[in-house]
PDB file of N, CA and C in Angstrom:
ATOM      1  N   MET A   1     -14.501  -0.010  23.142  1.00  0.00           N
ATOM      2  CA  MET A   1     -13.901   0.364  24.401  1.00  0.00           C
ATOM      3  C   MET A   1     -13.542  -0.871  25.218  1.00  0.00           C
ATOM      4  N   GLY A   2     -14.351  -1.901  25.154  1.00  0.00           N
ATOM      5  CA  GLY A   2     -14.082  -3.120  25.893  1.00  0.00           C
ATOM      6  C   GLY A   2     -12.826  -3.815  25.411  1.00  0.00           C
ATOM      7  N   VAL A   3     -12.527  -3.704  24.128  1.00  0.00           N
ATOM      8  CA  VAL A   3     -11.329  -4.333  23.570  1.00  0.00           C
ATOM      9  C   VAL A   3     -10.078  -3.671  24.141  1.00  0.00           C
ATOM     10  N   GLY A   4     -10.092  -2.375  24.256  1.00  0.00           N
ATOM     11  CA  GLY A   4      -8.947  -1.657  24.809  1.00  0.00           C
ATOM     12  C   GLY A   4      -8.678  -2.041  26.254  1.00  0.00           C
ATOM     13  N   TRP A   5      -9.731  -2.144  27.050  1.00  0.00           N
ATOM     14  CA  TRP A   5      -9.572  -2.562  28.436  1.00  0.00           C
ATOM     15  C   TRP A   5      -9.046  -3.991  28.515  1.00  0.00           C
ATOM     16  N   TYR A   6      -9.530  -4.854  27.637  1.00  0.00           N
ATOM     17  CA  TYR A   6      -9.074  -6.246  27.617  1.00  0.00           C
ATOM     18  C   TYR A   6      -7.574  -6.317  27.333  1.00  0.00           C
ATOM     19  N   ILE A   7      -7.128  -5.571  26.333  1.00  0.00           N
ATOM     20  CA  ILE A   7      -5.705  -5.553  25.983  1.00  0.00           C
ATOM     21  C   ILE A   7      -4.879  -5.007  27.149  1.00  0.00           C
ATOM     22  N   ALA A   8      -5.321  -3.890  27.710  1.00  0.00           N
ATOM     23  CA  ALA A   8      -4.589  -3.276  28.824  1.00  0.00           C
ATOM     24  C   ALA A   8      -4.513  -4.222  30.021  1.00  0.00           C
ATOM     25  N   PHE A   9      -5.623  -4.862  30.363  1.00  0.00           N
ATOM     26  CA  PHE A   9      -5.645  -5.775  31.500  1.00  0.00           C
ATOM     27  C   PHE A   9      -4.695  -6.948  31.273  1.00  0.00           C
ATOM     28  N   CYS A  10      -4.731  -7.532  30.089  1.00  0.00           N
ATOM     29  CA  CYS A  10      -3.853  -8.668  29.795  1.00  0.00           C
ATOM     30  C   CYS A  10      -2.384  -8.277  29.929  1.00  0.00           C
ATOM     31  N   ILE A  11      -2.007  -7.170  29.349  1.00  0.00           N
ATOM     32  CA  ILE A  11      -0.602  -6.769  29.357  1.00  0.00           C
ATOM     33  C   ILE A  11      -0.148  -6.380  30.763  1.00  0.00           C
ATOM     34  N   ILE A  12      -0.961  -5.622  31.475  1.00  0.00           N
ATOM     35  CA  ILE A  12      -0.582  -5.217  32.829  1.00  0.00           C
ATOM     36  C   ILE A  12      -0.488  -6.429  33.752  1.00  0.00           C
ATOM     37  N   PHE A  13      -1.445  -7.347  33.652  1.00  0.00           N
ATOM     38  CA  PHE A  13      -1.421  -8.538  34.500  1.00  0.00           C
ATOM     39  C   PHE A  13      -0.174  -9.379  34.218  1.00  0.00           C
ATOM     40  N   GLY A  14       0.129  -9.613  32.942  1.00  0.00           N
ATOM     41  CA  GLY A  14       1.317 -10.391  32.589  1.00  0.00           C
ATOM     42  C   GLY A  14       2.599  -9.734  33.053  1.00  0.00           C
ATOM     43  N   LEU A  15       2.672  -8.430  32.913  1.00  0.00           N
ATOM     44  CA  LEU A  15       3.855  -7.689  33.340  1.00  0.00           C
ATOM     45  C   LEU A  15       4.028  -7.751  34.857  1.00  0.00           C
ATOM     46  N   LEU A  16       2.961  -7.502  35.595  1.00  0.00           N
ATOM     47  CA  LEU A  16       3.047  -7.540  37.054  1.00  0.00           C
ATOM     48  C   LEU A  16       3.341  -8.945  37.575  1.00  0.00           C
ATOM     49  N   PHE A  17       2.743  -9.953  36.951  1.00  0.00           N
ATOM     50  CA  PHE A  17       3.012 -11.331  37.363  1.00  0.00           C
ATOM     51  C   PHE A  17       4.475 -11.683  37.110  1.00  0.00           C
ATOM     52  N   GLY A  18       4.999 -11.274  35.963  1.00  0.00           N
ATOM     53  CA  GLY A  18       6.403 -11.516  35.662  1.00  0.00           C
ATOM     54  C   GLY A  18       7.333 -10.811  36.624  1.00  0.00           C
ATOM     55  N   LEU A  19       7.013  -9.577  36.974  1.00  0.00           N
ATOM     56  CA  LEU A  19       7.814  -8.845  37.957  1.00  0.00           C
ATOM     57  C   LEU A  19       7.770  -9.525  39.322  1.00  0.00           C
ATOM     58  N   TRP A  20       6.607 -10.018  39.708  1.00  0.00           N
ATOM     59  CA  TRP A  20       6.468 -10.704  40.992  1.00  0.00           C
ATOM     60  C   TRP A  20       7.305 -11.977  41.030  1.00  0.00           C
ATOM     61  N   VAL A  21       7.216 -12.788  39.958  1.00  0.00           N
ATOM     62  CA  VAL A  21       8.004 -14.026  39.912  1.00  0.00           C
ATOM     63  C   VAL A  21       9.490 -13.698  39.902  1.00  0.00           C
ATOM     64  N   ASP A  22       9.895 -12.693  39.147  1.00  0.00           N
ATOM     65  CA  ASP A  22      11.303 -12.284  39.139  1.00  0.00           C
ATOM     66  C   ASP A  22      11.765 -11.836  40.523  1.00  0.00           C
ATOM     67  N   GLY A  23      10.892 -11.172  41.247  1.00  0.00           N
ATOM     68  CA  GLY A  23      11.242 -10.747  42.599  1.00  0.00           C
ATOM     69  C   GLY A  23      11.446 -11.927  43.539  1.00  0.00           C
ATOM     70  N   LYS A  24      10.654 -12.977  43.345  1.00  0.00           N
ATOM     71  CA  LYS A  24      10.776 -14.163  44.203  1.00  0.00           C
ATOM     72  C   LYS A  24      11.987 -15.020  43.833  1.00  0.00           C
ATOM     73  N   THR A  25      12.304 -15.079  42.538  1.00  0.00           N
ATOM     74  CA  THR A  25      13.369 -15.976  42.076  1.00  0.00           C
ATOM     75  C   THR A  25      14.674 -15.256  41.749  1.00  0.00           C
ATOM     76  N   HIS A  26      14.677 -13.930  41.817  1.00  0.00           N
ATOM     77  CA  HIS A  26      15.866 -13.120  41.515  1.00  0.00           C
ATOM     78  C   HIS A  26      16.421 -13.421  40.119  1.00  0.00           C
ATOM     79  N   THR A  27      15.534 -13.467  39.143  1.00  0.00           N
ATOM     80  CA  THR A  27      15.930 -13.766  37.760  1.00  0.00           C
ATOM     81  C   THR A  27      15.572 -12.624  36.811  1.00  0.00           C
ATOM     82  N   ARG A  28      15.457 -11.409  37.321  1.00  0.00           N
ATOM     83  CA  ARG A  28      15.047 -10.272  36.504  1.00  0.00           C
ATOM     84  C   ARG A  28      15.929 -10.145  35.282  1.00  0.00           C
ATOM     85  N   PRO A  29      15.488  -9.964  34.124  1.00  0.00           N
ATOM     86  CA  PRO A  29      14.159  -9.698  33.614  1.00  0.00           C
ATOM     87  C   PRO A  29      13.512 -10.912  32.940  1.00  0.00           C
ATOM     88  N   LEU A  30      13.982 -12.108  33.224  1.00  0.00           N
ATOM     89  CA  LEU A  30      13.520 -13.303  32.517  1.00  0.00           C
ATOM     90  C   LEU A  30      12.005 -13.466  32.561  1.00  0.00           C
ATOM     91  N   PHE A  31      11.425 -13.562  33.739  1.00  0.00           N
ATOM     92  CA  PHE A  31       9.985 -13.807  33.832  1.00  0.00           C
ATOM     93  C   PHE A  31       9.165 -12.579  33.487  1.00  0.00           C
ATOM     94  N   THR A  32       9.747 -11.414  33.644  1.00  0.00           N
ATOM     95  CA  THR A  32       9.053 -10.206  33.205  1.00  0.00           C
ATOM     96  C   THR A  32       8.854 -10.249  31.687  1.00  0.00           C
ATOM     97  N   LEU A  33       9.890 -10.609  30.966  1.00  0.00           N
ATOM     98  CA  LEU A  33       9.774 -10.701  29.508  1.00  0.00           C
ATOM     99  C   LEU A  33       8.859 -11.846  29.089  1.00  0.00           C
ATOM    100  N   ILE A  34       8.969 -12.977  29.769  1.00  0.00           N
ATOM    101  CA  ILE A  34       8.083 -14.106  29.456  1.00  0.00           C
ATOM    102  C   ILE A  34       6.631 -13.717  29.708  1.00  0.00           C
ATOM    103  N   GLY A  35       6.368 -13.078  30.843  1.00  0.00           N
ATOM    104  CA  GLY A  35       5.009 -12.632  31.152  1.00  0.00           C
ATOM    105  C   GLY A  35       4.493 -11.630  30.146  1.00  0.00           C
ATOM    106  N   LEU A  36       5.355 -10.731  29.718  1.00  0.00           N
ATOM    107  CA  LEU A  36       4.957  -9.718  28.741  1.00  0.00           C
ATOM    108  C   LEU A  36       4.635 -10.350  27.388  1.00  0.00           C
ATOM    109  N   VAL A  37       5.481 -11.258  26.926  1.00  0.00           N
ATOM    110  CA  VAL A  37       5.238 -11.925  25.638  1.00  0.00           C
ATOM    111  C   VAL A  37       3.966 -12.764  25.697  1.00  0.00           C
ATOM    112  N   MET A  38       3.783 -13.494  26.787  1.00  0.00           N
ATOM    113  CA  MET A  38       2.585 -14.323  26.913  1.00  0.00           C
ATOM    114  C   MET A  38       1.320 -13.471  27.005  1.00  0.00           C
ATOM    115  N   SER A  39       1.402 -12.347  27.695  1.00  0.00           N
ATOM    116  CA  SER A  39       0.227 -11.491  27.815  1.00  0.00           C
ATOM    117  C   SER A  39      -0.113 -10.811  26.492  1.00  0.00           C
ATOM    118  N   ILE A  40       0.883 -10.439  25.729  1.00  0.00           N
ATOM    119  CA  ILE A  40       0.617  -9.855  24.408  1.00  0.00           C
ATOM    120  C   ILE A  40      -0.014 -10.898  23.494  1.00  0.00           C
ATOM    121  N   ALA A  41       0.476 -12.125  23.544  1.00  0.00           N
ATOM    122  CA  ALA A  41      -0.104 -13.201  22.738  1.00  0.00           C
ATOM    123  C   ALA A  41      -1.550 -13.478  23.166  1.00  0.00           C
ATOM    124  N   THR A  42      -1.801 -13.482  24.462  1.00  0.00           N
ATOM    125  CA  THR A  42      -3.158 -13.699  24.969  1.00  0.00           C
ATOM    126  C   THR A  42      -4.082 -12.571  24.541  1.00  0.00           C
ATOM    127  N   ALA A  43      -3.606 -11.344  24.625  1.00  0.00           N
ATOM    128  CA  ALA A  43      -4.416 -10.200  24.211  1.00  0.00           C
ATOM    129  C   ALA A  43      -4.722 -10.279  22.723  1.00  0.00           C
ATOM    130  N   PHE A  44      -3.734 -10.620  21.907  1.00  0.00           N
ATOM    131  CA  PHE A  44      -3.954 -10.726  20.466  1.00  0.00           C
ATOM    132  C   PHE A  44      -4.975 -11.813  20.155  1.00  0.00           C
ATOM    133  N   LEU A  45      -4.836 -12.973  20.783  1.00  0.00           N
ATOM    134  CA  LEU A  45      -5.767 -14.074  20.539  1.00  0.00           C
ATOM    135  C   LEU A  45      -7.177 -13.699  20.983  1.00  0.00           C
ATOM    136  N   GLY A  46      -7.299 -13.047  22.131  1.00  0.00           N
ATOM    137  CA  GLY A  46      -8.609 -12.634  22.606  1.00  0.00           C
ATOM    138  C   GLY A  46      -9.270 -11.619  21.692  1.00  0.00           C
ATOM    139  N   VAL A  47      -8.506 -10.648  21.237  1.00  0.00           N
ATOM    140  CA  VAL A  47      -9.053  -9.642  20.320  1.00  0.00           C
ATOM    141  C   VAL A  47      -9.442 -10.293  18.997  1.00  0.00           C
ATOM    142  N   TYR A  48      -8.630 -11.207  18.519  1.00  0.00           N
ATOM    143  CA  TYR A  48      -8.935 -11.924  17.282  1.00  0.00           C
ATOM    144  C   TYR A  48     -10.262 -12.676  17.409  1.00  0.00           C
ATOM    145  N   ARG A  49     -10.450 -13.352  18.530  1.00  0.00           N
ATOM    146  CA  ARG A  49     -11.701 -14.085  18.738  1.00  0.00           C
ATOM    147  C   ARG A  49     -12.885 -13.142  18.857  1.00  0.00           C
ATOM    148  N   MET A  50     -12.705 -11.984  19.509  1.00  0.00           N
ATOM    149  CA  MET A  50     -13.784 -11.004  19.613  1.00  0.00           C
ATOM    150  C   MET A  50     -14.172 -10.478  18.242  1.00  0.00           C
ATOM    151  N   VAL A  51     -13.173 -10.164  17.432  1.00  0.00           N
ATOM    152  CA  VAL A  51     -13.442  -9.632  16.093  1.00  0.00           C
ATOM    153  C   VAL A  51     -14.146 -10.676  15.238  1.00  0.00           C
ATOM    154  N   LEU A  52     -13.711 -11.921  15.313  1.00  0.00           N
ATOM    155  CA  LEU A  52     -14.384 -12.988  14.558  1.00  0.00           C
ATOM    156  C   LEU A  52     -15.842 -13.117  14.969  1.00  0.00           C
ATOM    157  N   TYR A  53     -16.115 -13.023  16.259  1.00  0.00           N
ATOM    158  CA  TYR A  53     -17.487 -13.123  16.747  1.00  0.00           C
ATOM    159  C   TYR A  53     -18.343 -11.992  16.176  1.00  0.00           C
ATOM    160  N   PHE A  54     -17.830 -10.756  16.217  1.00  0.00           N
ATOM    161  CA  PHE A  54     -18.600  -9.622  15.719  1.00  0.00           C
ATOM    162  C   PHE A  54     -18.776  -9.675  14.209  1.00  0.00           C
ATOM    163  N   VAL A  55     -17.774 -10.138  13.496  1.00  0.00           N
ATOM    164  CA  VAL A  55     -17.892 -10.267  12.053  1.00  0.00           C
ATOM    165  C   VAL A  55     -18.953 -11.312  11.713  1.00  0.00           C
ATOM    166  N   LYS A  56     -18.919 -12.440  12.404  1.00  0.00           N
ATOM    167  CA  LYS A  56     -19.911 -13.493  12.165  1.00  0.00           C
ATOM    168  C   LYS A  56     -21.310 -13.007  12.521  1.00  0.00           C
ATOM    169  N   GLU A  57     -21.432 -12.284  13.640  1.00  0.00           N
ATOM    170  CA  GLU A  57     -22.732 -11.770  14.058  1.00  0.00           C
ATOM    171  C   GLU A  57     -23.279 -10.790  13.023  1.00  0.00           C
ATOM    172  N   ASN A  58     -22.437  -9.898  12.521  1.00  0.00           N
ATOM    173  CA  ASN A  58     -22.888  -8.922  11.520  1.00  0.00           C
ATOM    174  C   ASN A  58     -23.199  -9.596  10.200  1.00  0.00           C
ATOM    175  N   ARG A  59     -22.459 -10.622   9.844  1.00  0.00           N
ATOM    176  CA  ARG A  59     -22.724 -11.345   8.613  1.00  0.00           C
ATOM    177  C   ARG A  59     -24.072 -12.060   8.686  1.00  0.00           C
ATOM    178  N   ASP A  60     -24.383 -12.640   9.853  1.00  0.00           N
ATOM    179  CA  ASP A  60     -25.658 -13.326  10.037  1.00  0.00           C
ATOM    180  C   ASP A  60     -26.812 -12.351   9.998  1.00  0.00           C
ATOM    181  N   LYS A  61     -26.647 -11.150  10.533  1.00  0.00           N
ATOM    182  CA  LYS A  61     -27.701 -10.128  10.501  1.00  0.00           C
ATOM    183  C   LYS A  61     -27.922  -9.626   9.076  1.00  0.00           C
ATOM    184  N   GLY A  62     -26.894  -9.608   8.279  1.00  0.00           N
ATOM    185  CA  GLY A  62     -26.998  -9.128   6.918  1.00  0.00           C
ATOM    186  C   GLY A  62     -27.725 -10.084   5.987  1.00  0.00           C
ATOM    187  N   ASP A  63     -27.869 -11.338   6.392  1.00  0.00           N
ATOM    188  CA  ASP A  63     -28.523 -12.334   5.536  1.00  0.00           C
ATOM    189  C   ASP A  63     -30.034 -12.231   5.567  1.00  0.00           C
ATOM    190  N   ASP A  64     -30.609 -11.456   6.463  1.00  0.00           N
ATOM    191  CA  ASP A  64     -32.070 -11.367   6.605  1.00  0.00           C
ATOM    192  C   ASP A  64     -32.716 -10.772   5.401  1.00  0.00           C
TER     193      ASP A  64
END
């Protein structure tokens, strides 16, 4: 459940930040798309690191 919230938070934050910058600079949809791509990349990297941590933790527990 925490992974889903992490992904949602990253994407929503990137999207809203991009919309805000576009509103200030009148460059819609440039920063919205940049924010969205960066937030998706951040979410993917974060989930990847979480999965690696859990895999390593379970592997270490299995060695007992």
